[in-house]
Amino acid sequence: MHALVLDDGELNNLLMVEALRPIAGCEPHDFTRPADALAFARSCAQDIGVVITDYDMPGMNGVAFIQAARQIPGLAHVPFVMVTSIDQRSLRREALEAGATDFLTKPCDPVEIRARVTNLLALSRAYRDQQAHAAVLVREVAAAVATIEAREREIIMLLMRAAEHRDTDTGNHIARVAAYVGLIAEALGFPAAECRQLSLASTMHDVGKIAVPDAILLKPGPLTAEERSEMERHAERGQRILESSTSSIARLAAEIAGSHHERWDGAGYPQRLRGEAIPLSGRIVAVADVFDALTTERPYKRAWSFEEARAHLVAQAGRHFDAAVVEAFLSRWPEIAAGTLQAASEAA
């Protein structure tokens, strides 16, 4: 571990270096100019265990040097020792405020130097060992979280497979909606982790349909008023299925399941929420869900063209949909219009 020694007097440096050499694991490097010492510190900050500096130096005194050196990444927690004369006690407070850790009084006693520096190097090693251990723990926690998240994604996808058995297009639909949701979240400025979380949670937006009878779910023609009422109950059912979970993804999915059929103008269901009272997650999924439903052929309808569906979103912005979410969706139109998202979901 390096010991950086700074004094404009070469003889003082020589005496300090000779006092440090017997310390095991200590490699002293001495400088007479603060600029040279700072350059060395920047080049190997991770290997410096202690810094010893004089106060009286031309151009930059010891306090200014400590302040400059403390700004170098890797030196924030390294012990700094200020060498002062007996009549410089008034400088000690200034040096402490600048970041000095300890003091040596001129003339320095080699035995005292070795004892103090040995202790300070031990502190440096302990701190770095602690940092290394903390870094290992961070990596281990990150790996454990990644494993948990992977298992959670797997469970979610298995749950969605159950829905596929009841509706032949559900699997592709949820994949496409998830892709659209990710694009919207990105356009709205969500952090990458939140984009992934929202996209994954959106795959469960219609999980409540597992409780809808096949005669209604797969009916090739228009639904009666009673059938429509039964179909609309899937939003509440999906929310109830998911909301008791302790998983943050499932809780977000519950919020989406219960709100993605609400309308900006308050005419949606199940709670007739209006405007920003609708969770943003539900507003995002509403745009993605409707766009994909319009552009997908179903037993009871033809598939709309992308341009027709786009025109519908524009016409319904501020009525059915949050206008800001529609704007975010359309800001990614080149990717959407290219059809690559649909192709990728159908190939998956």
Protein backbone atom coordinates (compact mmCIF):
# COMPACT_ATOMS: atom_id res chain seq x y z
CA MET A 1 0.00 0.00 0.00
CA HIS A 2 1.39 3.41 -1.00
CA ALA A 3 2.20 6.20 1.42
CA LEU A 4 2.19 9.57 -0.36
CA VAL A 5 4.66 12.02 1.22
CA LEU A 6 4.62 15.72 0.28
CA ASP A 7 7.10 18.32 1.51
CA ASP A 8 8.91 21.01 -0.46
CA GLY A 9 12.08 20.24 1.50
CA GLU A 10 13.94 17.24 0.03
CA LEU A 11 15.70 16.52 3.34
CA ASN A 12 12.37 16.39 5.16
CA ASN A 13 11.07 13.95 2.57
CA LEU A 14 14.15 11.79 2.90
CA LEU A 15 13.76 11.60 6.69
CA MET A 16 10.05 10.79 6.39
CA VAL A 17 10.63 8.08 3.78
CA GLU A 18 13.37 6.47 5.90
CA ALA A 19 11.00 6.44 8.88
CA LEU A 20 8.31 4.71 6.81
CA ARG A 21 10.40 2.06 5.06
CA PRO A 22 10.42 -0.43 7.99
CA ILE A 23 6.61 -0.61 7.98
CA ALA A 24 5.53 -3.90 6.43
CA GLY A 25 3.45 -3.47 3.29
CA CYS A 26 4.14 0.27 3.08
CA GLU A 27 5.69 1.72 -0.08
CA PRO A 28 6.50 5.44 0.36
CA HIS A 29 6.46 7.87 -2.60
CA ASP A 30 7.74 11.40 -1.93
CA PHE A 31 7.11 14.64 -3.81
CA THR A 32 8.28 18.22 -3.41
CA ARG A 33 5.58 19.79 -5.62
CA PRO A 34 1.84 19.54 -4.85
CA ALA A 35 0.98 19.29 -8.56
CA ASP A 36 3.16 16.20 -8.94
CA ALA A 37 1.66 14.65 -5.81
CA LEU A 38 -1.88 15.24 -7.08
CA ALA A 39 -1.02 13.70 -10.46
CA PHE A 40 0.33 10.60 -8.70
CA ALA A 41 -2.76 10.44 -6.49
CA ARG A 42 -5.05 10.52 -9.51
CA SER A 43 -3.11 7.74 -11.24
CA CYS A 44 -3.17 5.25 -8.36
CA ALA A 45 -5.69 6.45 -5.79
CA GLN A 46 -6.90 2.89 -5.14
CA ASP A 47 -3.45 1.88 -3.88
CA ILE A 48 -2.82 4.84 -1.54
CA GLY A 49 -3.27 4.00 2.14
CA VAL A 50 -2.10 7.23 3.78
CA VAL A 51 -1.13 10.77 2.73
CA ILE A 52 1.39 12.84 4.71
CA THR A 53 1.73 16.50 3.81
CA ASP A 54 3.57 19.53 5.12
CA TYR A 55 1.73 22.84 5.53
CA ASP A 56 4.20 25.48 4.37
CA MET A 57 4.75 25.00 0.63
CA PRO A 58 4.99 27.50 -2.24
CA GLY A 59 1.99 27.77 -4.58
CA MET A 60 -0.33 25.49 -2.58
CA ASN A 61 -0.24 25.00 1.18
CA GLY A 62 -1.07 21.75 2.91
CA VAL A 63 -4.71 22.66 3.63
CA ALA A 64 -5.36 23.50 -0.03
CA PHE A 65 -3.62 20.27 -1.03
CA ILE A 66 -5.85 18.20 1.27
CA GLN A 67 -8.96 19.90 -0.11
CA ALA A 68 -7.86 19.16 -3.69
CA ALA A 69 -6.82 15.58 -2.95
CA ARG A 70 -10.07 14.79 -1.13
CA GLN A 71 -11.92 15.42 -4.41
CA ILE A 72 -10.05 12.58 -6.14
CA PRO A 73 -12.22 9.45 -6.41
CA GLY A 74 -10.80 6.81 -4.10
CA LEU A 75 -9.21 9.24 -1.63
CA ALA A 76 -12.35 10.33 0.20
CA HIS A 77 -11.73 7.88 3.07
CA VAL A 78 -7.91 7.71 3.03
CA PRO A 79 -6.24 9.07 6.23
CA PHE A 80 -4.44 12.40 5.73
CA VAL A 81 -1.69 13.47 8.13
CA MET A 82 -0.66 17.13 8.41
CA VAL A 83 2.91 17.89 9.53
CA THR A 84 3.02 21.13 11.53
CA SER A 85 5.40 23.01 13.76
CA ILE A 86 4.68 23.52 17.44
CA ASP A 87 3.78 27.18 16.76
CA GLN A 88 1.26 26.19 14.06
CA ARG A 89 -1.43 24.84 16.41
CA SER A 90 -3.84 27.47 15.11
CA LEU A 91 -3.73 25.70 11.73
CA ARG A 92 -4.95 22.39 13.09
CA ARG A 93 -8.61 23.36 13.16
CA GLU A 94 -8.38 24.61 9.58
CA ALA A 95 -6.68 21.36 8.58
CA LEU A 96 -9.33 19.25 10.32
CA GLU A 97 -12.09 21.13 8.50
CA ALA A 98 -10.25 20.49 5.22
CA GLY A 99 -10.14 16.73 5.89
CA ALA A 100 -7.00 16.05 7.91
CA THR A 101 -7.16 12.86 9.99
CA ASP A 102 -4.10 13.22 12.23
CA PHE A 103 -1.11 15.47 12.91
CA LEU A 104 2.64 15.10 13.32
CA THR A 105 4.61 17.83 15.04
CA LYS A 106 8.03 18.92 13.80
CA PRO A 107 10.64 17.75 14.53
CA CYS A 108 9.12 14.33 13.87
CA ASP A 109 10.10 11.28 15.90
CA PRO A 110 10.62 8.26 13.56
CA VAL A 111 9.16 5.89 16.16
CA GLU A 112 6.04 8.04 16.50
CA ILE A 113 5.77 8.28 12.70
CA ARG A 114 5.87 4.51 12.30
CA ALA A 115 3.35 3.92 15.10
CA ARG A 116 0.85 6.47 13.76
CA VAL A 117 1.20 5.49 10.11
CA THR A 118 0.98 1.77 10.93
CA ASN A 119 -2.35 2.39 12.69
CA LEU A 120 -3.64 4.57 9.87
CA LEU A 121 -2.69 1.99 7.24
CA ALA A 122 -4.54 -0.62 9.27
CA LEU A 123 -7.61 1.63 9.17
CA SER A 124 -7.25 2.01 5.40
CA ARG A 125 -7.01 -1.74 4.90
CA ALA A 126 -10.00 -2.36 7.16
CA TYR A 127 -12.09 0.18 5.27
CA ARG A 128 -11.15 -1.28 1.89
CA ASP A 129 -11.80 -4.82 3.09
CA GLN A 130 -15.21 -3.65 4.30
CA GLN A 131 -15.90 -2.01 0.93
CA ALA A 132 -14.85 -5.14 -0.93
CA HIS A 133 -17.08 -7.25 1.30
CA ALA A 134 -19.96 -4.83 0.76
CA ALA A 135 -19.44 -5.05 -3.01
CA VAL A 136 -19.60 -8.85 -2.80
CA LEU A 137 -22.82 -8.61 -0.80
CA VAL A 138 -24.30 -6.20 -3.36
CA ARG A 139 -23.49 -8.64 -6.16
CA GLU A 140 -24.93 -11.56 -4.20
CA VAL A 141 -28.12 -9.63 -3.42
CA ALA A 142 -28.43 -8.57 -7.07
CA ALA A 143 -28.01 -12.18 -8.18
CA ALA A 144 -30.62 -13.34 -5.66
CA VAL A 145 -33.06 -10.63 -6.77
CA ALA A 146 -32.49 -11.57 -10.41
CA THR A 147 -33.25 -15.21 -9.59
CA ILE A 148 -36.43 -14.25 -7.76
CA GLU A 149 -37.51 -11.98 -10.60
CA ALA A 150 -36.84 -14.73 -13.14
CA ARG A 151 -38.95 -17.17 -11.15
CA GLU A 152 -41.67 -14.54 -10.80
CA ARG A 153 -41.68 -13.98 -14.57
CA GLU A 154 -41.87 -17.72 -15.11
CA ILE A 155 -44.85 -18.05 -12.75
CA ILE A 156 -46.59 -15.16 -14.48
CA MET A 157 -46.07 -16.69 -17.91
CA LEU A 158 -47.37 -20.05 -16.66
CA LEU A 159 -50.45 -18.28 -15.34
CA MET A 160 -50.95 -16.64 -18.70
CA ARG A 161 -50.62 -20.01 -20.45
CA ALA A 162 -53.82 -20.99 -18.65
CA ALA A 163 -55.59 -18.15 -20.43
CA GLU A 164 -54.22 -19.29 -23.80
CA HIS A 165 -56.19 -22.51 -23.55
CA ARG A 166 -59.44 -20.54 -23.46
CA ASP A 167 -58.74 -17.98 -26.18
CA THR A 168 -56.49 -18.94 -29.08
CA ASP A 169 -55.25 -15.36 -29.56
CA THR A 170 -54.74 -14.41 -25.93
CA GLY A 171 -51.07 -15.39 -25.85
CA ASN A 172 -50.12 -13.23 -28.82
CA HIS A 173 -52.37 -10.42 -27.59
CA ILE A 174 -50.69 -10.17 -24.20
CA ALA A 175 -47.24 -10.26 -25.79
CA ARG A 176 -48.12 -7.44 -28.18
CA VAL A 177 -49.77 -5.37 -25.46
CA ALA A 178 -46.70 -5.82 -23.27
CA ALA A 179 -44.49 -4.60 -26.12
CA TYR A 180 -46.69 -1.53 -26.72
CA VAL A 181 -46.75 -0.79 -22.99
CA GLY A 182 -42.96 -0.87 -22.87
CA LEU A 183 -42.75 1.64 -25.73
CA ILE A 184 -45.25 3.98 -24.10
CA ALA A 185 -43.48 3.83 -20.73
CA GLU A 186 -40.15 4.61 -22.41
CA ALA A 187 -41.71 7.56 -24.26
CA LEU A 188 -43.12 8.87 -20.99
CA GLY A 189 -39.63 8.81 -19.47
CA PHE A 190 -39.98 5.85 -17.13
CA PRO A 191 -36.67 4.36 -15.91
CA ALA A 192 -35.73 1.13 -17.69
CA ALA A 193 -36.49 -1.04 -14.64
CA GLU A 194 -39.98 0.47 -14.32
CA CYS A 195 -40.60 -0.05 -18.04
CA ARG A 196 -39.79 -3.74 -17.67
CA GLN A 197 -41.94 -4.05 -14.55
CA LEU A 198 -44.93 -2.34 -16.14
CA SER A 199 -44.58 -4.37 -19.32
CA LEU A 200 -44.49 -7.63 -17.37
CA ALA A 201 -47.40 -6.65 -15.13
CA SER A 202 -49.49 -5.73 -18.18
CA THR A 203 -49.44 -9.35 -19.35
CA MET A 204 -51.98 -10.09 -16.59
CA HIS A 205 -54.42 -7.32 -17.51
CA ASP A 206 -57.15 -9.79 -18.64
CA VAL A 207 -56.49 -12.58 -16.16
CA GLY A 208 -60.05 -12.14 -14.84
CA LYS A 209 -61.36 -13.59 -18.11
CA ILE A 210 -60.59 -17.08 -16.81
CA ALA A 211 -63.90 -16.73 -14.93
CA VAL A 212 -65.90 -15.73 -18.02
CA PRO A 213 -67.95 -18.61 -19.50
CA ASP A 214 -66.81 -19.87 -22.90
CA ALA A 215 -70.21 -19.16 -24.39
CA ILE A 216 -69.58 -15.47 -23.78
CA LEU A 217 -65.83 -15.30 -24.20
CA LEU A 218 -65.84 -17.11 -27.55
CA LYS A 219 -69.18 -15.88 -28.87
CA PRO A 220 -68.80 -15.02 -32.59
CA GLY A 221 -71.48 -12.33 -32.58
CA PRO A 222 -72.45 -9.28 -30.52
CA LEU A 223 -73.06 -9.76 -26.79
CA THR A 224 -76.42 -9.16 -25.15
CA ALA A 225 -76.66 -6.61 -22.36
CA GLU A 226 -76.49 -9.40 -19.76
CA GLU A 227 -73.54 -11.02 -21.49
CA ARG A 228 -71.78 -7.66 -21.74
CA SER A 229 -72.29 -7.11 -18.00
CA GLU A 230 -70.84 -10.55 -17.27
CA MET A 231 -67.85 -9.88 -19.55
CA GLU A 232 -67.13 -6.56 -17.85
CA ARG A 233 -66.87 -8.27 -14.48
CA HIS A 234 -63.50 -9.66 -15.56
CA ALA A 235 -61.83 -6.39 -14.53
CA GLU A 236 -62.91 -6.67 -10.89
CA ARG A 237 -62.26 -10.40 -10.84
CA GLY A 238 -58.75 -9.95 -12.17
CA GLN A 239 -58.02 -7.31 -9.56
CA ARG A 240 -59.28 -9.55 -6.75
CA ILE A 241 -57.21 -12.49 -8.00
CA LEU A 242 -54.00 -10.45 -7.92
CA GLU A 243 -54.33 -7.84 -5.17
CA SER A 244 -53.78 -10.15 -2.20
CA SER A 245 -50.25 -10.99 -3.38
CA THR A 246 -47.19 -9.54 -1.64
CA SER A 247 -45.40 -9.37 -4.99
CA SER A 248 -44.91 -5.81 -6.29
CA ILE A 249 -45.45 -7.09 -9.85
CA ALA A 250 -48.73 -8.78 -8.94
CA ARG A 251 -49.93 -5.70 -7.07
CA LEU A 252 -49.15 -3.55 -10.10
CA ALA A 253 -50.93 -6.11 -12.27
CA ALA A 254 -53.96 -5.92 -9.94
CA GLU A 255 -54.03 -2.15 -10.40
CA ILE A 256 -53.87 -2.58 -14.18
CA ALA A 257 -56.50 -5.35 -14.27
CA GLY A 258 -58.95 -3.19 -12.34
CA SER A 259 -58.37 0.07 -14.21
CA HIS A 260 -57.48 -0.56 -17.85
CA HIS A 261 -61.14 -0.38 -18.93
CA GLU A 262 -61.73 2.96 -17.23
CA ARG A 263 -62.14 5.95 -19.56
CA TRP A 264 -60.66 9.43 -19.28
CA ASP A 265 -64.21 10.90 -19.51
CA GLY A 266 -65.52 8.69 -16.69
CA ALA A 267 -67.67 6.45 -18.90
CA GLY A 268 -65.59 3.30 -18.39
CA TYR A 269 -65.81 0.44 -15.91
CA PRO A 270 -65.80 -0.98 -13.27
CA GLN A 271 -65.64 2.16 -11.05
CA ARG A 272 -66.27 4.92 -13.61
CA LEU A 273 -63.07 6.69 -12.63
CA ARG A 274 -62.30 9.91 -14.47
CA GLY A 275 -59.08 11.61 -15.64
CA GLU A 276 -56.06 11.34 -13.37
CA ALA A 277 -58.08 9.40 -10.81
CA ILE A 278 -57.37 6.45 -13.11
CA PRO A 279 -53.95 4.97 -12.26
CA LEU A 280 -51.34 5.86 -14.89
CA SER A 281 -50.59 2.16 -15.35
CA GLY A 282 -54.23 1.57 -16.35
CA ARG A 283 -54.21 4.57 -18.71
CA ILE A 284 -51.11 3.22 -20.45
CA VAL A 285 -52.47 -0.31 -20.83
CA ALA A 286 -55.81 1.03 -22.07
CA VAL A 287 -54.14 2.57 -25.13
CA ALA A 288 -52.01 -0.50 -25.82
CA ASP A 289 -54.91 -2.92 -25.27
CA VAL A 290 -57.41 -1.08 -27.46
CA PHE A 291 -54.91 -0.52 -30.27
CA ASP A 292 -54.05 -4.23 -30.39
CA ALA A 293 -57.71 -5.28 -30.11
CA LEU A 294 -58.61 -3.03 -33.04
CA THR A 295 -55.80 -4.28 -35.26
CA THR A 296 -56.42 -7.96 -34.52
CA GLU A 297 -59.04 -10.12 -36.25
CA ARG A 298 -61.51 -11.78 -33.91
CA PRO A 299 -64.48 -14.10 -34.57
CA TYR A 300 -66.83 -11.13 -34.23
CA LYS A 301 -64.81 -8.44 -36.11
CA ARG A 302 -62.33 -7.75 -38.87
CA ALA A 303 -58.88 -6.38 -38.14
CA TRP A 304 -58.55 -2.63 -38.57
CA SER A 305 -55.54 -1.25 -40.40
CA PHE A 306 -52.90 0.46 -38.27
CA GLU A 307 -53.83 3.82 -39.76
CA GLU A 308 -57.52 3.30 -38.90
CA ALA A 309 -56.59 2.38 -35.34
CA ARG A 310 -54.26 5.38 -35.12
CA ALA A 311 -57.06 7.70 -36.23
CA HIS A 312 -59.32 6.19 -33.56
CA LEU A 313 -56.75 6.86 -30.82
CA VAL A 314 -56.35 10.46 -31.98
CA ALA A 315 -60.13 10.97 -32.09
CA GLN A 316 -60.57 9.49 -28.61
CA ALA A 317 -57.65 11.30 -26.94
CA GLY A 318 -59.10 13.28 -24.05
CA ARG A 319 -62.32 11.25 -24.17
CA HIS A 320 -61.59 7.53 -23.90
CA PHE A 321 -57.83 7.90 -23.45
CA ASP A 322 -55.36 10.11 -21.63
CA ALA A 323 -54.14 12.44 -24.40
CA ALA A 324 -50.57 12.43 -23.00
CA VAL A 325 -50.46 8.62 -23.22
CA VAL A 326 -51.77 8.67 -26.79
CA GLU A 327 -49.10 11.25 -27.67
CA ALA A 328 -46.40 9.04 -26.12
CA PHE A 329 -47.66 6.01 -28.05
CA LEU A 330 -47.71 7.90 -31.36
CA SER A 331 -44.21 9.27 -30.71
CA ARG A 332 -43.02 5.68 -31.30
CA TRP A 333 -45.14 5.25 -34.40
CA PRO A 334 -42.29 4.28 -36.79
CA GLU A 335 -41.61 1.18 -34.68
CA ILE A 336 -45.30 0.38 -34.34
CA ALA A 337 -46.19 0.94 -38.00
CA ALA A 338 -43.29 -1.27 -39.11
CA GLY A 339 -45.15 -4.21 -37.58
CA THR A 340 -41.98 -5.61 -36.00
CA LEU A 341 -43.62 -5.81 -32.56
CA GLN A 342 -46.49 -7.92 -33.86
CA ALA A 343 -44.14 -10.19 -35.80
CA ALA A 344 -41.90 -10.67 -32.77
CA SER A 345 -44.82 -11.53 -30.48
CA GLU A 346 -46.27 -14.04 -32.92
CA ALA A 347 -42.89 -15.71 -33.40
CA ALA A 348 -42.34 -16.02 -29.65
